[in-house]
Amino acid sequence: MDERNQPEDKSRTQQKREYRELKELGIQLVDLSKGQLQNLPVSEQTREALLAAKGMTRGALQRQIRHLASLLVEEDVTAVRDALAMTSQPHAHQVAALHEAERWRDRLLSDDKIQMTDLVERYPECDLSHLRQLVRNGKKERERNKPPKSARLLFRYLMKLSKPQNGD
């Protein structure tokens, strides 16, 4: 059987497509900050090439990106893409914590008395007197159409309470 007809061989079109994808990945990686580059699962040679591309101008940058694409062939591209996705998006649990704190704040500032009990059950370590004061002041600010200073403080306090929950 001819070597070109083996199933693991890729067509020239497929090779070009993969090389183009690696160049696009290189462009995305060059846009990362130096701190984010340190966390990428790449070899030291690739990391140095990425850092070198930072100060380059148009023509030199294009050559460096082609060089990066050839280096990325040797890397675990899936792991690099996953790391890139994690740096470009906020973490899902952080967003969930923000939404949960907003819901708690809104429920506490409503006139539902049961919400305070539910919150204390959820976070037994909370300072109940401080929490009641923030809720009371937040309700007064809302009634008087004042800036929501206490509501913001309540939100920050609820975020602080939820921090240990993120580590679970």
Protein backbone atom coordinates (compact mmCIF):
# COMPACT_ATOMS: atom_id res chain seq x y z
CA MET A 1 0.00 0.00 0.00
CA ASP A 2 1.27 3.47 -0.89
CA GLU A 3 2.35 5.65 2.10
CA ARG A 4 0.14 8.58 1.00
CA ASN A 5 -2.98 6.40 1.14
CA GLN A 6 -2.58 5.40 4.78
CA PRO A 7 -5.51 6.51 6.97
CA GLU A 8 -3.36 8.58 9.37
CA ASP A 9 -2.05 10.78 6.53
CA LYS A 10 -3.74 14.15 6.22
CA SER A 11 -4.55 15.91 3.00
CA ARG A 12 -2.72 19.10 2.19
CA THR A 13 -5.96 20.99 2.71
CA GLN A 14 -6.33 19.52 6.21
CA GLN A 15 -2.69 20.33 7.02
CA LYS A 16 -3.18 23.94 5.86
CA ARG A 17 -6.39 24.24 7.89
CA GLU A 18 -4.65 22.98 11.04
CA TYR A 19 -1.68 25.32 10.46
CA ARG A 20 -4.08 28.26 10.02
CA GLU A 21 -5.82 27.31 13.28
CA LEU A 22 -2.45 27.20 15.04
CA LYS A 23 -1.61 30.67 13.70
CA GLU A 24 -4.95 31.98 14.99
CA LEU A 25 -4.25 30.39 18.37
CA GLY A 26 -0.82 32.04 18.35
CA ILE A 27 -2.43 35.44 17.73
CA GLN A 28 -4.78 34.89 20.68
CA LEU A 29 -1.91 33.82 22.90
CA VAL A 30 0.19 36.86 22.00
CA ASP A 31 -2.66 39.08 23.23
CA LEU A 32 -2.46 37.60 26.74
CA SER A 33 -0.70 39.42 29.56
CA LYS A 34 2.67 38.22 30.82
CA GLY A 35 1.04 36.83 33.96
CA GLN A 36 -1.49 34.86 31.94
CA LEU A 37 1.29 33.50 29.72
CA GLN A 38 3.06 32.12 32.79
CA ASN A 39 0.04 29.95 33.56
CA LEU A 40 -0.17 28.37 30.10
CA PRO A 41 0.77 24.71 29.74
CA VAL A 42 3.46 25.30 27.10
CA SER A 43 7.18 24.62 26.85
CA GLU A 44 9.66 27.27 27.89
CA GLN A 45 10.67 27.75 24.25
CA THR A 46 7.08 28.52 23.22
CA ARG A 47 6.61 30.82 26.22
CA GLU A 48 9.77 32.76 25.28
CA ALA A 49 8.55 33.07 21.68
CA LEU A 50 5.21 34.41 22.95
CA LEU A 51 6.94 36.95 25.18
CA ALA A 52 9.26 37.98 22.33
CA ALA A 53 6.24 38.69 20.11
CA LYS A 54 4.95 41.29 22.56
CA GLY A 55 7.07 44.19 21.29
CA MET A 56 7.16 43.32 17.61
CA THR A 57 5.72 45.39 14.79
CA ARG A 58 3.62 44.19 11.89
CA GLY A 59 6.06 42.31 9.63
CA ALA A 60 8.16 40.88 12.41
CA LEU A 61 5.02 39.91 14.30
CA GLN A 62 3.69 37.99 11.30
CA ARG A 63 6.97 36.04 11.05
CA GLN A 64 6.90 35.39 14.80
CA ILE A 65 3.31 34.10 14.58
CA ARG A 66 4.36 31.66 11.85
CA HIS A 67 7.21 30.55 14.11
CA LEU A 68 4.76 30.19 17.02
CA ALA A 69 2.48 28.02 14.88
CA SER A 70 5.39 25.69 14.17
CA LEU A 71 6.17 25.54 17.91
CA LEU A 72 2.52 24.92 18.82
CA VAL A 73 2.55 21.77 16.68
CA GLU A 74 4.67 20.20 19.43
CA GLU A 75 2.37 21.38 22.25
CA ASP A 76 -0.81 19.88 23.69
CA VAL A 77 -3.11 22.26 21.81
CA THR A 78 -6.23 21.06 23.60
CA ALA A 79 -4.74 21.92 27.01
CA VAL A 80 -3.57 25.29 25.69
CA ARG A 81 -7.06 26.06 24.31
CA ASP A 82 -8.64 25.05 27.63
CA ALA A 83 -6.25 27.32 29.54
CA LEU A 84 -6.99 30.13 27.11
CA ALA A 85 -10.73 29.66 27.60
CA MET A 86 -10.27 29.84 31.37
CA THR A 87 -8.34 33.11 31.13
CA SER A 88 -10.71 34.75 28.69
CA GLN A 89 -13.92 33.96 30.58
CA PRO A 90 -14.80 34.64 34.17
CA HIS A 91 -15.02 31.48 36.19
CA ALA A 92 -18.53 30.11 36.36
CA HIS A 93 -18.48 29.73 40.14
CA GLN A 94 -17.51 33.39 40.59
CA VAL A 95 -20.42 34.50 38.43
CA ALA A 96 -22.75 32.15 40.31
CA ALA A 97 -21.55 33.61 43.63
CA LEU A 98 -22.26 37.13 42.39
CA HIS A 99 -25.76 36.17 41.30
CA GLU A 100 -26.44 34.38 44.56
CA ALA A 101 -25.32 37.41 46.60
CA GLU A 102 -27.56 39.65 44.49
CA ARG A 103 -30.54 37.36 45.06
CA TRP A 104 -29.90 37.26 48.82
CA ARG A 105 -29.59 41.05 48.95
CA ASP A 106 -32.83 41.56 47.02
CA ARG A 107 -34.69 39.03 49.16
CA LEU A 108 -33.39 40.54 52.40
CA LEU A 109 -34.37 44.04 51.30
CA SER A 110 -37.87 42.85 50.46
CA ASP A 111 -40.29 42.72 53.38
CA ASP A 112 -40.05 38.93 53.73
CA LYS A 113 -39.02 38.13 57.32
CA ILE A 114 -38.26 34.44 56.58
CA GLN A 115 -35.29 35.37 54.35
CA MET A 116 -33.16 36.41 57.34
CA THR A 117 -33.75 33.02 58.97
CA ASP A 118 -32.90 31.22 55.73
CA LEU A 119 -29.68 33.21 55.39
CA VAL A 120 -28.62 32.44 58.96
CA GLU A 121 -29.26 28.73 58.31
CA ARG A 122 -27.18 28.90 55.15
CA TYR A 123 -24.36 30.95 56.73
CA PRO A 124 -24.35 30.29 60.49
CA GLU A 125 -21.07 32.22 60.86
CA CYS A 126 -22.70 35.53 59.86
CA ASP A 127 -22.86 38.51 62.21
CA LEU A 128 -26.62 38.76 62.69
CA SER A 129 -26.68 42.21 64.29
CA HIS A 130 -24.50 43.67 61.50
CA LEU A 131 -26.66 41.97 58.89
CA ARG A 132 -29.89 43.33 60.44
CA GLN A 133 -28.42 46.84 60.57
CA LEU A 134 -27.41 46.71 56.89
CA VAL A 135 -30.88 45.46 55.90
CA ARG A 136 -32.62 48.10 58.03
CA ASN A 137 -30.47 50.90 56.57
CA GLY A 138 -30.93 49.55 53.05
CA LYS A 139 -34.70 49.58 53.41
CA LYS A 140 -34.62 53.16 54.74
CA GLU A 141 -32.45 54.28 51.81
CA ARG A 142 -34.83 52.65 49.36
CA GLU A 143 -37.88 54.29 50.97
CA ARG A 144 -36.24 57.72 50.90
CA ASN A 145 -34.87 57.30 47.35
CA LYS A 146 -31.32 57.78 48.60
CA PRO A 147 -28.21 56.23 47.03
CA PRO A 148 -28.02 52.51 47.92
CA LYS A 149 -24.89 52.71 50.09
CA SER A 150 -26.13 50.14 52.61
CA ALA A 151 -27.41 47.86 49.85
CA ARG A 152 -23.88 47.86 48.38
CA LEU A 153 -22.38 47.18 51.80
CA LEU A 154 -24.89 44.34 52.26
CA PHE A 155 -23.88 42.90 48.88
CA ARG A 156 -20.18 43.03 49.83
CA TYR A 157 -20.91 41.38 53.15
CA LEU A 158 -22.89 38.62 51.44
CA MET A 159 -20.01 38.07 48.98
CA LYS A 160 -17.61 37.80 51.89
CA LEU A 161 -19.89 35.22 53.51
CA SER A 162 -20.02 33.15 50.34
CA LYS A 163 -16.22 33.04 49.83
CA PRO A 164 -15.63 29.89 51.94
CA GLN A 165 -18.41 28.19 49.99
CA ASN A 166 -16.42 28.60 46.73
CA GLY A 167 -13.60 26.44 48.05
CA ASP A 168 -15.87 23.40 48.56
